[in-house]
Amino acid sequence: MLAEANPALLTVLGIIFSVNCIALIIFVLFRQSDSGGIGAAFGGGEGGGAFGTKGQAVVDKVITFMGATFIVLALVFNLVSTGGAKETTKGLDETQQEAPANGGD
């Protein structure tokens, strides 16, 4: 319903979702792990990393925020693109009613 009324909304949500996904991947790759990871390639060592020791706490907070944003955007994008739960349920009811009629012996 919303998708039919405003396709620009789907485009904007898709772009924001894609940028969030790419940024989340980049931040997760640069996060310092116990074994080093890609963050170790940029000055990693004991307590060091791509963003330093204090920067790692900031990166962890950014990853948490972006992960939550990813979930919220995925749910909103799903609701907007399908038009909500009422239409989805209606579509399933119509399919179930037609299946016995079309599935003859």
Protein backbone atom coordinates (compact mmCIF):
# COMPACT_ATOMS: atom_id res chain seq x y z
CA MET A 1 0.00 0.00 0.00
CA LEU A 2 2.71 2.50 0.95
CA ALA A 3 4.98 1.12 -1.76
CA GLU A 4 2.34 1.76 -4.42
CA ALA A 5 1.62 5.25 -3.14
CA ASN A 6 5.24 6.37 -2.84
CA PRO A 7 7.95 4.42 -4.71
CA ALA A 8 10.45 7.15 -3.81
CA LEU A 9 10.15 6.01 -0.17
CA LEU A 10 11.30 2.52 -1.16
CA THR A 11 14.23 4.00 -3.08
CA VAL A 12 15.33 6.18 -0.17
CA LEU A 13 14.97 3.32 2.33
CA GLY A 14 16.92 1.02 0.01
CA ILE A 15 19.77 3.51 -0.31
CA ILE A 16 19.92 4.15 3.45
CA PHE A 17 19.78 0.40 4.13
CA SER A 18 22.58 -0.31 1.63
CA VAL A 19 24.84 2.42 3.02
CA ASN A 20 24.22 1.16 6.55
CA CYS A 21 25.09 -2.41 5.51
CA ILE A 22 28.34 -1.38 3.79
CA ALA A 23 29.41 0.84 6.70
CA LEU A 24 28.59 -1.91 9.20
CA ILE A 25 30.73 -4.38 7.26
CA ILE A 26 33.63 -1.92 7.17
CA PHE A 27 33.44 -1.16 10.90
CA VAL A 28 33.24 -4.86 11.79
CA LEU A 29 36.29 -5.58 9.64
CA PHE A 30 38.31 -2.85 11.36
CA ARG A 31 37.28 -3.94 14.84
CA GLN A 32 40.22 -5.30 16.79
CA SER A 33 39.73 -8.89 17.81
CA ASP A 34 41.76 -11.02 20.17
CA SER A 35 43.56 -12.64 17.26
CA GLY A 36 44.28 -9.40 15.45
CA GLY A 37 42.20 -9.46 12.30
CA ILE A 38 42.35 -6.71 9.69
CA GLY A 39 42.62 -4.09 12.45
CA ALA A 40 46.05 -5.48 13.31
CA ALA A 41 47.31 -4.62 9.84
CA PHE A 42 46.96 -0.92 10.64
CA GLY A 43 49.21 -0.77 13.68
CA GLY A 44 47.61 -3.49 15.75
CA GLY A 45 49.44 -4.88 18.68
CA GLU A 46 48.88 -5.06 22.39
CA GLY A 47 46.17 -2.46 22.95
CA GLY A 48 46.63 -0.85 19.55
CA GLY A 49 44.59 -1.07 16.44
CA ALA A 50 43.20 0.85 13.53
CA PHE A 51 41.63 3.42 15.85
CA GLY A 52 43.80 3.14 18.99
CA THR A 53 42.75 1.95 22.40
CA LYS A 54 40.12 4.61 23.11
CA GLY A 55 38.95 4.51 19.54
CA GLN A 56 38.10 0.84 19.91
CA ALA A 57 35.43 1.67 22.49
CA VAL A 58 33.94 4.17 20.03
CA VAL A 59 34.03 1.60 17.24
CA ASP A 60 32.22 -0.90 19.47
CA LYS A 61 29.49 1.66 20.20
CA VAL A 62 29.17 2.52 16.51
CA ILE A 63 28.88 -1.17 15.61
CA THR A 64 26.16 -1.63 18.25
CA PHE A 65 24.23 1.40 16.99
CA MET A 66 24.56 0.38 13.35
CA GLY A 67 23.51 -3.19 14.14
CA ALA A 68 20.35 -1.92 15.83
CA THR A 69 19.75 0.45 12.92
CA PHE A 70 20.16 -2.47 10.51
CA ILE A 71 17.42 -4.44 12.28
CA VAL A 72 15.04 -1.48 12.45
CA LEU A 73 15.61 -0.56 8.80
CA ALA A 74 15.08 -4.16 7.72
CA LEU A 75 11.73 -4.29 9.53
CA VAL A 76 10.60 -0.90 8.19
CA PHE A 77 11.71 -1.80 4.66
CA ASN A 78 9.75 -5.06 4.88
CA LEU A 79 6.60 -3.36 6.15
CA VAL A 80 6.75 -0.64 3.50
CA SER A 81 7.49 -2.99 0.61
CA THR A 82 4.77 -5.51 1.52
CA GLY A 83 2.19 -2.95 2.60
CA GLY A 84 1.80 -4.26 6.14
CA ALA A 85 0.59 -7.49 7.70
CA LYS A 86 -3.08 -7.13 6.71
CA GLU A 87 -2.40 -7.40 2.98
CA THR A 88 0.06 -10.26 3.51
CA THR A 89 -2.54 -12.25 5.45
CA LYS A 90 -5.17 -11.48 2.83
CA GLY A 91 -2.87 -12.70 0.07
CA LEU A 92 -2.24 -15.98 1.88
CA ASP A 93 -5.97 -16.56 2.38
CA GLU A 94 -6.64 -16.10 -1.35
CA THR A 95 -3.83 -18.48 -2.27
CA GLN A 96 -5.09 -21.15 0.11
CA GLN A 97 -8.61 -20.86 -1.27
CA GLU A 98 -7.45 -21.22 -4.87
CA ALA A 99 -5.07 -24.12 -4.25
CA PRO A 100 -7.73 -26.87 -3.90
CA ALA A 101 -9.64 -25.61 -6.96
CA ASN A 102 -6.53 -25.61 -9.18
CA GLY A 103 -4.97 -28.77 -7.79
CA GLY A 104 -7.36 -31.22 -9.45
CA ASP A 105 -6.58 -34.92 -9.85
